[in-house]
């Protein structure tokens, strides 16, 4: 559902600084990285975490047009919708894709993440574990 024929490159930079303003950017690649790469094999798709206090995404199209989006404070699905918009996906397809994302992809991503990353054991601060 995230095939973007005009997409040449997508680069997400997410802040590692704790806080809810960057949570959407931090989980975007976990939820949508694999589908974006699978559906757009010719596009260069990269994700980078930084200690800088900003999160953004740069979308480069085959025409050479480049869009830099400030994604701080946005949920991961909102970020995807902005990417679809600047990539030229028609409104009807975008609505269908976002419906699939919110009803199928995101619940499966959350399920997969919890299955592959079980909760951490408590760690002792001092003393024997």
C-alpha atoms as a PDB file:
ATOM      1  CA  UNK A   1       0.000   0.000   0.000  1.00  0.00           C
ATOM      2  CA  UNK A   2       3.008   2.391   0.095  1.00  0.00           C
ATOM      3  CA  UNK A   3       4.208   2.126  -3.513  1.00  0.00           C
ATOM      4  CA  UNK A   4       5.515   5.557  -4.521  1.00  0.00           C
ATOM      5  CA  UNK A   5       6.785   5.495  -8.124  1.00  0.00           C
ATOM      6  CA  UNK A   6       8.125   9.061  -7.907  1.00  0.00           C
ATOM      7  CA  UNK A   7      10.152   8.419  -4.713  1.00  0.00           C
ATOM      8  CA  UNK A   8      13.897   8.614  -5.258  1.00  0.00           C
ATOM      9  CA  UNK A   9      15.080   8.944  -1.640  1.00  0.00           C
ATOM     10  CA  UNK A  10      13.677   9.254   1.846  1.00  0.00           C
ATOM     11  CA  UNK A  11      15.851  10.171   4.829  1.00  0.00           C
ATOM     12  CA  UNK A  12      14.421  10.306   8.341  1.00  0.00           C
ATOM     13  CA  UNK A  13      16.408  11.888  11.150  1.00  0.00           C
ATOM     14  CA  UNK A  14      14.899  11.324  14.576  1.00  0.00           C
ATOM     15  CA  UNK A  15      15.993  12.830  17.862  1.00  0.00           C
ATOM     16  CA  UNK A  16      17.021  10.432  20.604  1.00  0.00           C
ATOM     17  CA  UNK A  17      16.287  13.062  23.243  1.00  0.00           C
ATOM     18  CA  UNK A  18      13.604  11.643  25.559  1.00  0.00           C
ATOM     19  CA  UNK A  19      10.215  13.231  25.176  1.00  0.00           C
ATOM     20  CA  UNK A  20       6.975  12.694  23.379  1.00  0.00           C
ATOM     21  CA  UNK A  21       7.678  15.272  20.642  1.00  0.00           C
ATOM     22  CA  UNK A  22       9.968  12.816  18.865  1.00  0.00           C
ATOM     23  CA  UNK A  23       8.228   9.501  19.588  1.00  0.00           C
ATOM     24  CA  UNK A  24       6.491   9.341  16.193  1.00  0.00           C
ATOM     25  CA  UNK A  25       9.768   9.861  14.342  1.00  0.00           C
ATOM     26  CA  UNK A  26      11.523   7.256  16.493  1.00  0.00           C
ATOM     27  CA  UNK A  27       8.949   4.540  15.725  1.00  0.00           C
ATOM     28  CA  UNK A  28       8.286   5.496  12.094  1.00  0.00           C
ATOM     29  CA  UNK A  29      11.036   3.244  10.742  1.00  0.00           C
ATOM     30  CA  UNK A  30       9.900   0.333  12.926  1.00  0.00           C
ATOM     31  CA  UNK A  31       6.339   0.544  11.654  1.00  0.00           C
ATOM     32  CA  UNK A  32       6.823   1.636   8.051  1.00  0.00           C
ATOM     33  CA  UNK A  33      10.469   1.031   7.135  1.00  0.00           C
ATOM     34  CA  UNK A  34      10.035  -2.503   5.811  1.00  0.00           C
ATOM     35  CA  UNK A  35       6.878  -1.802   3.750  1.00  0.00           C
ATOM     36  CA  UNK A  36       8.447   1.348   2.265  1.00  0.00           C
ATOM     37  CA  UNK A  37      11.629  -0.505   1.305  1.00  0.00           C
ATOM     38  CA  UNK A  38       9.745  -3.505  -0.084  1.00  0.00           C
ATOM     39  CA  UNK A  39       7.322  -1.425  -2.160  1.00  0.00           C
ATOM     40  CA  UNK A  40      10.032   1.002  -3.366  1.00  0.00           C
ATOM     41  CA  UNK A  41      13.164  -1.102  -4.011  1.00  0.00           C
ATOM     42  CA  UNK A  42      14.824   1.539  -6.225  1.00  0.00           C
ATOM     43  CA  UNK A  43      14.482   4.307  -3.627  1.00  0.00           C
ATOM     44  CA  UNK A  44      17.262   5.048  -1.139  1.00  0.00           C
ATOM     45  CA  UNK A  45      15.542   4.893   2.257  1.00  0.00           C
ATOM     46  CA  UNK A  46      17.577   5.717   5.358  1.00  0.00           C
ATOM     47  CA  UNK A  47      16.857   6.247   9.040  1.00  0.00           C
ATOM     48  CA  UNK A  48      19.217   7.961  11.480  1.00  0.00           C
ATOM     49  CA  UNK A  49      18.978   8.779  15.177  1.00  0.00           C
ATOM     50  CA  UNK A  50      20.739  11.858  16.497  1.00  0.00           C
ATOM     51  CA  UNK A  51      21.215  13.737  19.746  1.00  0.00           C
ATOM     52  CA  UNK A  52      20.075  16.950  18.061  1.00  0.00           C
ATOM     53  CA  UNK A  53      16.761  18.391  19.326  1.00  0.00           C
ATOM     54  CA  UNK A  54      14.899  18.015  16.027  1.00  0.00           C
ATOM     55  CA  UNK A  55      13.257  15.336  13.923  1.00  0.00           C
ATOM     56  CA  UNK A  56      12.726  15.715  10.195  1.00  0.00           C
ATOM     57  CA  UNK A  57      12.260  13.765   7.029  1.00  0.00           C
ATOM     58  CA  UNK A  58      13.645  14.632   3.607  1.00  0.00           C
ATOM     59  CA  UNK A  59      11.720  13.291   0.618  1.00  0.00           C
ATOM     60  CA  UNK A  60      13.433  13.465  -2.775  1.00  0.00           C
ATOM     61  CA  UNK A  61      11.405  12.776  -5.893  1.00  0.00           C
ATOM     62  CA  UNK A  62      12.570  11.446  -9.268  1.00  0.00           C
ATOM     63  CA  UNK A  63      12.027  14.938 -10.711  1.00  0.00           C
ATOM     64  CA  UNK A  64      14.732  16.259  -8.375  1.00  0.00           C
ATOM     65  CA  UNK A  65      12.201  18.062  -6.195  1.00  0.00           C
ATOM     66  CA  UNK A  66      13.099  17.848  -2.494  1.00  0.00           C
ATOM     67  CA  UNK A  67      10.802  18.332   0.500  1.00  0.00           C
ATOM     68  CA  UNK A  68      12.067  18.715   4.073  1.00  0.00           C
ATOM     69  CA  UNK A  69       9.329  18.113   6.637  1.00  0.00           C
ATOM     70  CA  UNK A  70       9.558  18.936  10.328  1.00  0.00           C
ATOM     71  CA  UNK A  71       7.987  15.901  11.988  1.00  0.00           C
ATOM     72  CA  UNK A  72       8.489  16.773  15.668  1.00  0.00           C
ATOM     73  CA  UNK A  73       5.257  16.262  17.579  1.00  0.00           C
ATOM     74  CA  UNK A  74       3.689  14.090  14.879  1.00  0.00           C
ATOM     75  CA  UNK A  75       2.543  10.482  15.209  1.00  0.00           C
ATOM     76  CA  UNK A  76       4.151   7.952  12.870  1.00  0.00           C
ATOM     77  CA  UNK A  77       0.969   7.586  10.800  1.00  0.00           C
ATOM     78  CA  UNK A  78       0.781  11.392  10.382  1.00  0.00           C
ATOM     79  CA  UNK A  79       4.377  11.352   9.138  1.00  0.00           C
ATOM     80  CA  UNK A  80       3.505   8.650   6.605  1.00  0.00           C
ATOM     81  CA  UNK A  81       0.499  10.645   5.400  1.00  0.00           C
ATOM     82  CA  UNK A  82       2.715  13.710   4.825  1.00  0.00           C
ATOM     83  CA  UNK A  83       5.219  11.550   2.915  1.00  0.00           C
ATOM     84  CA  UNK A  84       2.435  10.153   0.735  1.00  0.00           C
ATOM     85  CA  UNK A  85       1.149  13.676   0.109  1.00  0.00           C
ATOM     86  CA  UNK A  86       4.477  15.218  -0.972  1.00  0.00           C
ATOM     87  CA  UNK A  87       5.263  12.096  -3.028  1.00  0.00           C
ATOM     88  CA  UNK A  88       2.276  12.825  -5.228  1.00  0.00           C
ATOM     89  CA  UNK A  89      -0.059   9.995  -4.227  1.00  0.00           C
ATOM     90  CA  UNK A  90      -3.627  10.912  -5.282  1.00  0.00           C
ATOM     91  CA  UNK A  91      -6.049  11.742  -2.452  1.00  0.00           C
ATOM     92  CA  UNK A  92      -8.261   8.670  -3.023  1.00  0.00           C
ATOM     93  CA  UNK A  93      -5.281   6.284  -2.912  1.00  0.00           C
ATOM     94  CA  UNK A  94      -3.867   8.117   0.112  1.00  0.00           C
ATOM     95  CA  UNK A  95      -7.138   7.656   2.021  1.00  0.00           C
ATOM     96  CA  UNK A  96      -7.214   3.936   1.147  1.00  0.00           C
ATOM     97  CA  UNK A  97      -3.574   3.488   2.120  1.00  0.00           C
ATOM     98  CA  UNK A  98      -4.035   5.290   5.442  1.00  0.00           C
ATOM     99  CA  UNK A  99      -7.075   3.127   6.213  1.00  0.00           C
ATOM    100  CA  UNK A 100      -4.990  -0.019   5.593  1.00  0.00           C
ATOM    101  CA  UNK A 101      -2.123   1.396   7.661  1.00  0.00           C
ATOM    102  CA  UNK A 102      -4.249   2.228  10.684  1.00  0.00           C
ATOM    103  CA  UNK A 103      -6.334  -0.957  10.630  1.00  0.00           C
ATOM    104  CA  UNK A 104      -3.761  -3.561   9.540  1.00  0.00           C
ATOM    105  CA  UNK A 105      -0.143  -2.421   9.466  1.00  0.00           C
ATOM    106  CA  UNK A 106       0.131  -0.547  12.769  1.00  0.00           C
ATOM    107  CA  UNK A 107      -1.616  -3.214  14.899  1.00  0.00           C
ATOM    108  CA  UNK A 108       0.605  -5.890  13.313  1.00  0.00           C
ATOM    109  CA  UNK A 109       3.741  -3.782  13.865  1.00  0.00           C
ATOM    110  CA  UNK A 110       2.885  -3.339  17.543  1.00  0.00           C
ATOM    111  CA  UNK A 111       2.214  -7.077  17.896  1.00  0.00           C
ATOM    112  CA  UNK A 112       5.482  -7.962  16.146  1.00  0.00           C
ATOM    113  CA  UNK A 113       7.495  -5.500  18.239  1.00  0.00           C
ATOM    114  CA  UNK A 114       6.164  -6.923  21.496  1.00  0.00           C
ATOM    115  CA  UNK A 115       6.824 -10.493  20.321  1.00  0.00           C
ATOM    116  CA  UNK A 116      10.402  -9.826  19.204  1.00  0.00           C
ATOM    117  CA  UNK A 117      11.302  -7.539  22.117  1.00  0.00           C
ATOM    118  CA  UNK A 118       9.904  -9.019  25.330  1.00  0.00           C
ATOM    119  CA  UNK A 119       9.881  -6.789  28.403  1.00  0.00           C
ATOM    120  CA  UNK A 120      13.281  -6.349  30.043  1.00  0.00           C
ATOM    121  CA  UNK A 121      13.959  -7.955  33.406  1.00  0.00           C
ATOM    122  CA  UNK A 122      14.418  -5.633  36.316  1.00  0.00           C
ATOM    123  CA  UNK A 123      18.038  -4.737  36.836  1.00  0.00           C
ATOM    124  CA  UNK A 124      19.609  -4.349  40.216  1.00  0.00           C
ATOM    125  CA  UNK A 125      21.178  -0.989  40.906  1.00  0.00           C
ATOM    126  CA  UNK A 126      23.439  -2.413  43.579  1.00  0.00           C
ATOM    127  CA  UNK A 127      23.894  -5.832  45.067  1.00  0.00           C
ATOM    128  CA  UNK A 128      23.698  -9.183  43.347  1.00  0.00           C
ATOM    129  CA  UNK A 129      21.291  -9.712  40.420  1.00  0.00           C
END
